[in-house]
Protein backbone atom coordinates (compact mmCIF):
# COMPACT_ATOMS: atom_id res chain seq x y z
CA MET A 1 7.04 -10.11 -10.87
CA SER A 2 8.84 -6.81 -11.05
CA ALA A 3 10.06 -5.35 -7.78
CA LEU A 4 9.42 -1.79 -6.71
CA THR A 5 12.35 0.28 -7.89
CA LYS A 6 13.72 3.33 -6.13
CA GLU A 7 12.12 5.53 -8.76
CA LYS A 8 8.67 3.97 -8.28
CA LYS A 9 8.94 4.33 -4.50
CA ALA A 10 10.10 7.95 -4.77
CA LYS A 11 7.18 8.70 -7.10
CA LEU A 12 4.70 7.11 -4.66
CA PHE A 13 6.16 9.00 -1.70
CA GLU A 14 6.10 12.26 -3.63
CA GLN A 15 2.51 11.74 -4.74
CA PHE A 16 1.09 10.67 -1.37
CA GLY A 17 3.63 11.93 1.18
CA GLY A 18 4.23 15.40 -0.23
CA ALA A 19 7.96 14.89 -0.88
CA ALA A 20 10.12 11.98 -2.00
CA SER A 21 11.95 12.09 1.33
CA ASN A 22 8.73 11.90 3.38
CA THR A 23 8.74 8.10 3.64
CA GLY A 24 7.15 7.93 7.09
CA SER A 25 3.87 9.60 6.16
CA THR A 26 0.86 7.40 6.89
CA ASP A 27 -0.60 8.10 3.45
CA ALA A 28 2.67 7.23 1.73
CA GLN A 29 3.03 3.98 3.70
CA ILE A 30 -0.52 2.93 2.82
CA ALA A 31 0.12 3.72 -0.86
CA LEU A 32 3.33 1.67 -0.78
CA PHE A 33 1.59 -1.28 0.85
CA THR A 34 -1.24 -1.06 -1.70
CA GLU A 35 1.25 -1.14 -4.58
CA ARG A 36 3.00 -4.19 -3.12
CA ILE A 37 -0.34 -5.91 -2.43
CA ASN A 38 -1.40 -5.41 -6.04
CA MET A 39 1.91 -6.86 -7.29
CA LEU A 40 1.69 -9.90 -5.01
CA SER A 41 -1.95 -10.49 -5.93
CA SER A 42 -1.13 -10.61 -9.62
CA HIS A 43 1.80 -12.96 -8.89
CA LEU A 44 -0.48 -15.29 -6.90
CA ARG A 45 -3.00 -15.48 -9.75
CA GLU A 46 -0.33 -17.21 -11.83
CA ASN A 47 1.48 -19.10 -9.01
CA LYS A 48 -1.26 -20.50 -6.82
CA LYS A 49 1.03 -22.71 -4.75
CA ASP A 50 3.45 -19.96 -3.68
CA HIS A 51 2.61 -20.08 0.00
CA GLN A 52 5.42 -17.75 1.15
CA CYS A 53 4.07 -15.08 -1.19
CA ARG A 54 0.57 -15.67 0.21
CA ARG A 55 1.88 -15.23 3.76
CA THR A 56 3.63 -11.99 2.79
CA LEU A 57 0.44 -10.77 1.13
CA LEU A 58 -1.64 -11.44 4.24
CA THR A 59 0.96 -9.69 6.41
CA LEU A 60 0.88 -6.60 4.19
CA VAL A 61 -2.92 -6.56 4.16
CA GLY A 62 -2.91 -6.60 7.96
CA LYS A 63 -0.36 -3.79 8.20
CA ARG A 64 -2.31 -1.68 5.73
CA LYS A 65 -5.53 -2.32 7.64
CA ARG A 66 -3.94 -1.14 10.90
CA LEU A 67 -2.63 2.03 9.24
CA LEU A 68 -6.02 2.70 7.65
CA ASN A 69 -7.73 2.31 11.02
CA TYR A 70 -5.23 4.75 12.55
CA LEU A 71 -5.81 7.27 9.77
CA GLN A 72 -9.59 6.86 10.04
CA HIS A 73 -9.52 7.77 13.74
CA LYS A 74 -6.99 10.57 13.24
CA ASP A 75 -8.44 12.34 10.17
CA ILE A 76 -11.61 10.95 8.57
CA SER A 77 -11.57 13.32 5.57
CA GLU A 78 -7.97 12.38 4.70
CA TYR A 79 -8.91 8.70 5.09
CA ARG A 80 -11.84 9.04 2.68
CA SER A 81 -9.81 10.88 0.06
CA LEU A 82 -6.98 8.33 0.29
CA ILE A 83 -9.20 5.28 -0.20
CA GLU A 84 -10.83 7.08 -3.12
CA LYS A 85 -7.43 7.78 -4.74
CA LEU A 86 -6.15 4.25 -4.21
CA GLY A 87 -9.41 2.55 -5.16
CA ILE A 88 -9.66 0.36 -2.04
CA ARG A 89 -12.63 -0.45 0.18
CA LYS A 90 -15.22 -0.27 -2.53
């Protein structure tokens, strides 16, 4: 399992937050959580008994869900474009 490097995070923040320094943007946070969720999911496919990883995964899913709900109420068009870009909520 490869961790998110500074370069990967900066690229995500630049792509979804507008600038690499805009780390607090809702879109950027959701993109970061999605990236981490995908990494943990692939790790759990190989290591089924890693319960700490499973707990972390569930925590991240919950955080992302809360942010998505916030974004949905704040700006529905931005919400729809973000889930389309990230490929979540099929």
